[in-house]
Structure formats: structure tokens, C-alpha cells
Amino acid sequence: MKLHIDKEADALYLRLDGSAIVESEEVAPGVVLDYNESNQVVGIEMLHLSKRSADLNLSTLELVTV
């Protein structure tokens, strides 16, 4: 799993695995899901991050697992 944050593009991309992307779908404004040939979600893109949260700090990332 890889997380890429592009401050200049104001975007976040979460890649769940390395399988080939065969289709993408915008499921909400600025939220795009990428699918593989088995119709599984393998990537999630979120655009306009700074507009989604007034307190968003792209310099800090916290990962919580349970």
C-alpha cells in the first residue's frame, strides 16, 4: 500500500496494490476510484484536499492500525 500526497496538486492518492488499473470512476466530486480487471478497488484519489478540511496539515501524517 502506498500513499502519495501532492501539495502542489492539492491531492492525495492511495494505491492499495500494484495490479493494472482498467477503469476509473468519479464517485463523488473530486473522489475517484480505480478498479482492476476483477472490479476490485485498487486506488483512491482525492482532489482539492485543502477545501475538504480547514485544519488539514499535509506535513503531518498519522497512521493508526488496530
Protein backbone atom coordinates (compact mmCIF):
# COMPACT_ATOMS: atom_id res chain seq x y z
CA MET A 1 0.00 0.00 0.00
CA LYS A 2 1.31 3.45 -0.92
CA LEU A 3 0.06 6.88 -0.02
CA HIS A 4 1.10 9.84 -2.17
CA ILE A 5 0.29 13.42 -1.19
CA ASP A 6 0.94 16.09 -3.80
CA LYS A 7 0.87 19.51 -2.12
CA GLU A 8 1.09 21.42 -5.40
CA ALA A 9 -1.82 19.49 -6.95
CA ASP A 10 -3.68 19.58 -3.60
CA ALA A 11 -4.37 15.86 -3.99
CA LEU A 12 -3.99 12.54 -2.21
CA TYR A 13 -3.66 9.13 -3.86
CA LEU A 14 -3.87 5.82 -2.00
CA ARG A 15 -2.72 2.81 -4.02
CA LEU A 16 -3.81 -0.49 -2.47
CA ASP A 17 -1.85 -2.86 -4.72
CA GLY A 18 0.14 -2.97 -7.93
CA SER A 19 -2.45 -4.54 -10.22
CA ALA A 20 -3.25 -2.84 -13.52
CA ILE A 21 -5.96 -0.18 -13.49
CA VAL A 22 -8.58 -0.89 -16.13
CA GLU A 23 -11.31 1.55 -15.13
CA SER A 24 -11.76 4.69 -13.05
CA GLU A 25 -14.97 6.20 -11.70
CA GLU A 26 -15.63 9.53 -10.03
CA VAL A 27 -17.92 8.50 -7.16
CA ALA A 28 -18.26 11.98 -5.63
CA PRO A 29 -16.94 15.39 -6.67
CA GLY A 30 -13.15 15.10 -6.58
CA VAL A 31 -13.12 11.45 -5.41
CA VAL A 32 -12.02 8.88 -7.99
CA LEU A 33 -11.84 5.11 -7.52
CA ASP A 34 -9.54 2.99 -9.70
CA TYR A 35 -10.53 -0.62 -10.44
CA ASN A 36 -8.55 -3.66 -11.63
CA GLU A 37 -9.75 -6.33 -14.08
CA SER A 38 -11.55 -8.15 -11.23
CA ASN A 39 -13.54 -4.97 -10.49
CA GLN A 40 -11.75 -4.52 -7.16
CA VAL A 41 -10.84 -1.04 -5.92
CA VAL A 42 -7.05 -0.69 -6.16
CA GLY A 43 -6.68 3.08 -5.90
CA ILE A 44 -8.41 6.08 -4.38
CA GLU A 45 -7.74 9.66 -5.46
CA MET A 46 -8.99 12.68 -3.53
CA LEU A 47 -8.69 16.13 -5.08
CA HIS A 48 -8.96 19.60 -3.50
CA LEU A 49 -7.72 18.43 -0.08
CA SER A 50 -7.32 21.93 1.34
CA LYS A 51 -11.01 22.65 0.67
CA ARG A 52 -12.14 19.48 2.47
CA SER A 53 -10.84 20.45 5.90
CA ALA A 54 -9.88 23.83 7.30
CA ASP A 55 -7.44 22.21 9.76
CA LEU A 56 -5.72 19.90 7.26
CA ASN A 57 -1.95 19.76 7.71
CA LEU A 58 -0.34 17.94 4.77
CA SER A 59 3.04 17.95 6.50
CA THR A 60 1.85 15.56 9.20
CA LEU A 61 0.56 12.04 8.64
CA GLU A 62 -0.70 9.72 11.36
CA LEU A 63 -1.20 6.02 10.70
CA VAL A 64 -3.37 4.10 13.13
CA THR A 65 -3.81 0.34 12.94
CA VAL A 66 -5.96 -1.78 15.21
